[in-house]
């Protein structure tokens, strides 16, 4: 099936606006006000120098059940996803000013929930983006679950193209209804391994279902615990207590725990090189205060962040 050539550029910045819309995350922790959230995110954004973005995973757009994957490669601050060998999405770190002036984030998102849970600030956001060029008309509904700490932030996006037309000369392709998920992690990377202090980091995992039978848009959340072995320089990752974010809408469902053990840590980084199951993470902060990363397993794509 022929796919489209489209390259969209986005910065990993959300401009916080007033509260509204449907609640996407049940409040489980302490309430977080908008101004505090804006200040916290601005501080983290000013420190970021490292970016991770997952592969893009598309939900089947027809009865064939065909799974399309957009393979992503990352440099230090920019990641490029290719779909069927063609450039599809470029994600880059940017300042808030960059994002506001880029035109890509023309509409401010609706904040559906803000809270602080297990030491991590969390938010659920919904926004629509519009891209218009000589060749492209694309409108996208973007549902994102975000978490941030002092030195890093992480999140998962569940996107639906509500209107899409690509023109190739005399050929026109309609891409309305395409749905895909992605996850990201960014922050002040240490580029070194921890050398002392406590060996456990605790926090939150957030993400979304990307199963063949479920529409992209069902969010999940749970607990993240990471245990570092100083002697062997490896790490265990435990993602537990994972359940639907909106049980009142999507039904209450608990998902299997996910575990990765004895992952080697080199230069403050660890991961499975996007094999299946996949996970990649980094330590953040001048003294390895935080750790975060992205993963895909059990038909869930998501991200995690934790503090020691």
Protein backbone atom coordinates (compact mmCIF):
# COMPACT_ATOMS: atom_id res chain seq x y z
CA UNK A 1 0.00 0.00 0.00
CA UNK A 2 1.42 3.35 -1.03
CA UNK A 3 2.07 5.71 1.83
CA UNK A 4 2.61 9.44 1.88
CA UNK A 5 5.74 11.58 2.00
CA UNK A 6 5.28 14.05 4.82
CA UNK A 7 7.81 15.49 7.21
CA UNK A 8 6.43 17.27 10.25
CA UNK A 9 8.72 19.04 12.71
CA UNK A 10 7.72 19.28 16.34
CA UNK A 11 9.42 20.48 19.53
CA UNK A 12 8.88 18.63 22.77
CA UNK A 13 7.23 21.57 24.44
CA UNK A 14 3.65 21.98 25.65
CA UNK A 15 2.33 25.48 26.24
CA UNK A 16 0.11 25.25 29.31
CA UNK A 17 -3.30 26.87 29.16
CA UNK A 18 -6.36 27.03 31.38
CA UNK A 19 -8.09 23.90 32.59
CA UNK A 20 -11.00 22.39 30.70
CA UNK A 21 -12.22 19.41 28.77
CA UNK A 22 -12.82 15.87 29.95
CA UNK A 23 -10.71 14.44 32.75
CA UNK A 24 -8.19 12.03 31.24
CA UNK A 25 -6.31 11.02 34.37
CA UNK A 26 -8.03 10.20 37.65
CA UNK A 27 -6.59 12.27 40.45
CA UNK A 28 -4.49 9.93 42.57
CA UNK A 29 -2.01 12.34 44.13
CA UNK A 30 -1.81 15.97 45.21
CA UNK A 31 -3.46 18.64 43.02
CA UNK A 32 -1.06 20.74 40.95
CA UNK A 33 -2.01 24.25 39.85
CA UNK A 34 -1.40 25.59 36.35
CA UNK A 35 1.14 28.26 37.26
CA UNK A 36 3.28 25.82 39.24
CA UNK A 37 3.18 23.34 36.38
CA UNK A 38 4.17 26.03 33.89
CA UNK A 39 7.09 27.14 36.06
CA UNK A 40 8.30 23.57 36.63
CA UNK A 41 8.19 22.69 32.94
CA UNK A 42 9.93 25.88 31.91
CA UNK A 43 12.78 25.15 34.33
CA UNK A 44 13.23 21.61 32.98
CA UNK A 45 13.10 22.77 29.37
CA UNK A 46 15.94 25.22 30.00
CA UNK A 47 18.18 22.34 31.16
CA UNK A 48 17.44 19.73 28.49
CA UNK A 49 20.27 18.53 26.27
CA UNK A 50 19.24 14.96 25.41
CA UNK A 51 16.27 13.37 23.64
CA UNK A 52 14.85 9.87 23.16
CA UNK A 53 11.85 9.11 20.93
CA UNK A 54 10.35 5.66 20.36
CA UNK A 55 9.43 4.02 17.11
CA UNK A 56 6.02 5.10 15.81
CA UNK A 57 3.44 2.33 15.99
CA UNK A 58 0.38 2.68 13.78
CA UNK A 59 -2.96 1.09 14.53
CA UNK A 60 -4.40 -0.90 11.60
CA UNK A 61 -6.39 1.42 9.35
CA UNK A 62 -8.42 -1.39 7.75
CA UNK A 63 -9.60 -4.96 8.32
CA UNK A 64 -6.27 -6.43 7.21
CA UNK A 65 -4.79 -5.84 10.66
CA UNK A 66 -1.51 -4.74 9.07
CA UNK A 67 0.83 -3.17 11.61
CA UNK A 68 2.97 -0.32 10.28
CA UNK A 69 6.03 0.75 12.26
CA UNK A 70 7.90 4.00 11.84
CA UNK A 71 11.52 3.30 12.73
CA UNK A 72 13.12 6.13 14.70
CA UNK A 73 16.79 7.05 14.96
CA UNK A 74 18.00 9.69 17.42
CA UNK A 75 20.98 11.97 17.63
CA UNK A 76 21.64 14.00 20.73
CA UNK A 77 18.76 16.44 20.37
CA UNK A 78 16.89 15.40 17.19
CA UNK A 79 15.06 12.20 16.24
CA UNK A 80 13.79 11.23 12.79
CA UNK A 81 11.10 8.61 12.15
CA UNK A 82 10.80 6.93 8.77
CA UNK A 83 7.69 5.06 7.65
CA UNK A 84 8.20 2.53 4.85
CA UNK A 85 11.53 4.17 4.07
CA UNK A 86 10.11 7.69 3.83
CA UNK A 87 10.60 10.61 6.21
CA UNK A 88 7.50 11.01 8.34
CA UNK A 89 8.22 12.83 11.60
CA UNK A 90 11.15 14.78 12.99
CA UNK A 91 11.19 15.61 16.71
CA UNK A 92 13.67 18.03 18.20
CA UNK A 93 14.38 19.63 21.54
CA UNK A 94 13.44 23.28 21.53
CA UNK A 95 12.85 26.15 23.89
CA UNK A 96 9.37 27.32 24.67
CA UNK A 97 10.03 30.41 22.50
CA UNK A 98 10.99 28.16 19.58
CA UNK A 99 7.75 26.24 19.90
CA UNK A 100 5.57 29.32 20.14
CA UNK A 101 7.14 30.90 17.05
CA UNK A 102 7.29 27.75 14.93
CA UNK A 103 3.62 27.78 13.96
CA UNK A 104 3.35 24.05 14.63
CA UNK A 105 1.77 24.61 18.04
CA UNK A 106 -0.71 27.17 16.84
CA UNK A 107 -3.41 26.07 19.28
CA UNK A 108 -2.85 25.79 23.00
CA UNK A 109 -3.76 22.43 24.53
CA UNK A 110 -6.61 21.78 26.89
CA UNK A 111 -5.35 20.65 30.27
CA UNK A 112 -7.53 17.83 31.49
CA UNK A 113 -5.71 17.05 34.73
CA UNK A 114 -2.66 18.14 36.71
CA UNK A 115 -1.30 16.43 39.80
CA UNK A 116 1.82 15.35 41.67
CA UNK A 117 2.00 11.60 42.21
CA UNK A 118 4.86 9.50 43.66
CA UNK A 119 7.11 12.55 43.52
CA UNK A 120 6.41 13.22 39.83
CA UNK A 121 4.33 16.01 38.31
CA UNK A 122 1.78 14.72 35.79
CA UNK A 123 -0.58 16.19 33.24
CA UNK A 124 -2.99 15.06 30.55
CA UNK A 125 -3.36 17.30 27.52
CA UNK A 126 -5.42 17.42 24.36
CA UNK A 127 -4.72 19.66 21.40
CA UNK A 128 -5.27 19.83 17.67
CA UNK A 129 -2.56 20.67 15.15
CA UNK A 130 -2.98 21.83 11.58
CA UNK A 131 -0.44 21.59 8.78
CA UNK A 132 -1.09 23.28 5.44
CA UNK A 133 1.35 23.40 2.53
CA UNK A 134 1.05 23.31 -1.25
CA UNK A 135 1.01 19.51 -1.08
CA UNK A 136 -0.38 18.66 2.35
CA UNK A 137 -3.56 19.18 4.35
CA UNK A 138 -3.34 17.45 7.73
CA UNK A 139 -5.33 18.00 10.92
CA UNK A 140 -4.32 15.88 13.92
CA UNK A 141 -5.93 15.27 17.30
CA UNK A 142 -3.08 14.82 19.79
CA UNK A 143 -3.73 13.25 23.19
CA UNK A 144 -0.65 13.29 25.43
CA UNK A 145 0.14 12.03 28.91
CA UNK A 146 3.13 13.91 30.35
CA UNK A 147 5.36 13.66 33.41
CA UNK A 148 8.17 15.93 34.56
CA UNK A 149 10.62 16.26 37.43
CA UNK A 150 13.54 18.62 38.11
CA UNK A 151 15.94 17.49 35.38
CA UNK A 152 13.83 15.50 32.95
CA UNK A 153 10.40 14.95 31.41
CA UNK A 154 8.69 12.05 29.68
CA UNK A 155 5.43 11.23 27.98
CA UNK A 156 3.38 9.37 25.42
CA UNK A 157 1.28 10.71 22.55
CA UNK A 158 -1.72 8.99 20.99
CA UNK A 159 -2.47 10.75 17.72
CA UNK A 160 -5.33 10.55 15.22
CA UNK A 161 -5.33 12.25 11.81
CA UNK A 162 -8.85 13.63 11.56
CA UNK A 163 -8.36 15.12 8.10
CA UNK A 164 -5.51 14.27 5.78
CA UNK A 165 -4.92 14.78 2.06
CA UNK A 166 -1.56 14.39 0.31
CA UNK A 167 -1.13 15.57 -3.28
CA UNK A 168 1.47 14.02 -5.60
CA UNK A 169 0.91 15.92 -8.81
CA UNK A 170 -2.17 14.31 -10.33
CA UNK A 171 -2.32 11.68 -7.58
CA UNK A 172 -4.13 12.34 -4.30
CA UNK A 173 -4.06 10.14 -1.20
CA UNK A 174 -6.51 10.41 1.69
CA UNK A 175 -4.96 9.55 5.06
CA UNK A 176 -7.89 10.52 7.28
CA UNK A 177 -8.23 8.06 10.16
CA UNK A 178 -4.54 7.10 10.46
CA UNK A 179 -3.70 6.57 14.15
CA UNK A 180 -0.30 6.15 15.79
CA UNK A 181 1.42 6.24 19.17
CA UNK A 182 4.89 7.37 20.24
CA UNK A 183 6.78 7.96 23.48
CA UNK A 184 9.58 10.32 24.47
CA UNK A 185 12.06 11.04 27.25
CA UNK A 186 14.28 14.12 27.53
CA UNK A 187 16.38 15.97 30.05
CA UNK A 188 19.84 16.86 31.31
CA UNK A 189 21.73 13.65 30.58
CA UNK A 190 24.60 12.70 32.90
CA UNK A 191 26.54 10.65 30.32
CA UNK A 192 28.06 8.80 33.29
CA UNK A 193 27.01 5.89 35.51
CA UNK A 194 26.02 6.36 39.16
CA UNK A 195 28.95 5.75 41.50
CA UNK A 196 27.41 6.02 44.96
CA UNK A 197 24.25 6.78 46.89
CA UNK A 198 21.00 4.86 46.96
CA UNK A 199 20.45 2.20 44.34
CA UNK A 200 16.70 2.59 43.82
CA UNK A 201 14.70 5.15 41.83
CA UNK A 202 10.89 5.27 42.11
CA UNK A 203 8.32 7.06 39.99
CA UNK A 204 5.59 6.69 37.38
CA UNK A 205 4.97 5.00 34.05
CA UNK A 206 2.48 6.45 31.53
CA UNK A 207 1.53 5.30 28.05
CA UNK A 208 -1.16 4.09 25.73
CA UNK A 209 -2.59 0.92 24.24
CA UNK A 210 -1.71 0.21 20.63
CA UNK A 211 -3.33 -3.18 20.25
CA UNK A 212 -4.91 -4.30 16.98
CA UNK A 213 -8.32 -4.55 18.59
CA UNK A 214 -8.28 -1.21 20.43
CA UNK A 215 -8.30 2.31 19.09
CA UNK A 216 -5.29 4.45 19.87
CA UNK A 217 -6.42 6.67 22.70
CA UNK A 218 -6.72 4.34 25.69
CA UNK A 219 -4.18 5.64 28.19
CA UNK A 220 -2.50 3.63 30.93
CA UNK A 221 -0.48 4.48 34.02
CA UNK A 222 1.40 2.68 36.77
CA UNK A 223 4.46 2.57 39.01
CA UNK A 224 8.11 2.60 37.91
CA UNK A 225 10.94 1.22 40.07
CA UNK A 226 14.55 0.93 38.90
CA UNK A 227 17.31 -0.80 40.88
CA UNK A 228 20.97 -0.17 39.96
CA UNK A 229 23.80 -2.60 40.74
CA UNK A 230 26.92 -0.50 41.37
CA UNK A 231 29.31 -3.45 41.27
CA UNK A 232 28.13 -4.93 37.97
CA UNK A 233 26.97 -1.63 36.45
CA UNK A 234 23.58 -2.94 35.36
CA UNK A 235 20.00 -2.02 36.10
CA UNK A 236 16.64 -3.74 36.66
CA UNK A 237 13.46 -2.01 35.50
CA UNK A 238 10.08 -2.84 37.06
CA UNK A 239 6.86 -1.34 35.66
CA UNK A 240 3.99 -2.45 37.89
CA UNK A 241 0.38 -1.69 38.89
CA UNK A 242 -0.43 -0.72 35.30
CA UNK A 243 -4.09 0.02 34.58
CA UNK A 244 -6.33 2.13 32.36
CA UNK A 245 -6.08 5.85 33.05
CA UNK A 246 -9.81 6.38 32.52
CA UNK A 247 -11.60 3.38 34.04
CA UNK A 248 -14.88 5.28 34.04
CA UNK A 249 -14.61 5.58 30.22
CA UNK A 250 -12.56 2.59 29.03
CA UNK A 251 -13.39 0.14 31.81
CA UNK A 252 -11.13 -1.03 34.60
CA UNK A 253 -8.34 -3.20 33.27
CA UNK A 254 -5.08 -4.21 34.94
CA UNK A 255 -2.14 -5.15 32.73
CA UNK A 256 0.73 -7.59 33.40
CA UNK A 257 3.79 -6.23 35.16
CA UNK A 258 6.80 -5.60 32.93
CA UNK A 259 10.37 -6.39 33.96
CA UNK A 260 13.76 -5.94 32.31
CA UNK A 261 16.69 -7.29 34.32
CA UNK A 262 20.47 -6.96 34.25
CA UNK A 263 20.54 -4.33 31.51
CA UNK A 264 24.13 -3.07 31.10
CA UNK A 265 24.57 0.65 31.79
CA UNK A 266 27.23 2.47 29.76
CA UNK A 267 27.83 6.22 29.88
CA UNK A 268 24.58 6.67 31.78
CA UNK A 269 22.50 4.84 29.16
CA UNK A 270 20.81 1.46 29.00
CA UNK A 271 18.44 -0.37 26.70
CA UNK A 272 17.53 -3.22 24.43
CA UNK A 273 18.37 -1.52 21.11
CA UNK A 274 14.71 -1.47 20.05
CA UNK A 275 14.51 -5.25 19.82
CA UNK A 276 11.27 -6.85 20.93
CA UNK A 277 10.63 -6.28 23.84
CA UNK A 278 12.13 -2.82 23.67
CA UNK A 279 13.28 -0.32 26.27
CA UNK A 280 15.79 2.50 26.32
CA UNK A 281 16.66 4.82 29.19
CA UNK A 282 19.08 7.39 30.53
CA UNK A 283 20.14 8.89 33.85
CA UNK A 284 19.46 12.59 34.27
CA UNK A 285 20.69 15.31 36.62
CA UNK A 286 24.21 16.28 37.74
CA UNK A 287 24.23 13.56 40.42
CA UNK A 288 22.02 10.96 38.70
CA UNK A 289 19.02 12.20 40.68
CA UNK A 290 16.59 10.98 38.03
CA UNK A 291 16.19 8.29 35.43
CA UNK A 292 13.77 8.06 32.53
CA UNK A 293 13.11 6.22 29.32
CA UNK A 294 10.76 4.78 26.71
CA UNK A 295 9.43 1.27 26.14
CA UNK A 296 7.11 -0.92 24.11
CA UNK A 297 5.72 -4.20 25.38
CA UNK A 298 2.39 -6.02 25.80
CA UNK A 299 0.85 -3.80 23.08
CA UNK A 300 1.58 -0.72 25.21
CA UNK A 301 3.87 2.10 24.16
CA UNK A 302 4.96 4.48 26.91
CA UNK A 303 7.56 6.25 29.00
CA UNK A 304 8.69 6.34 32.61
CA UNK A 305 10.40 8.71 35.00
CA UNK A 306 11.72 8.11 38.51
CA UNK A 307 13.66 9.86 41.31
CA UNK A 308 16.01 8.46 43.94
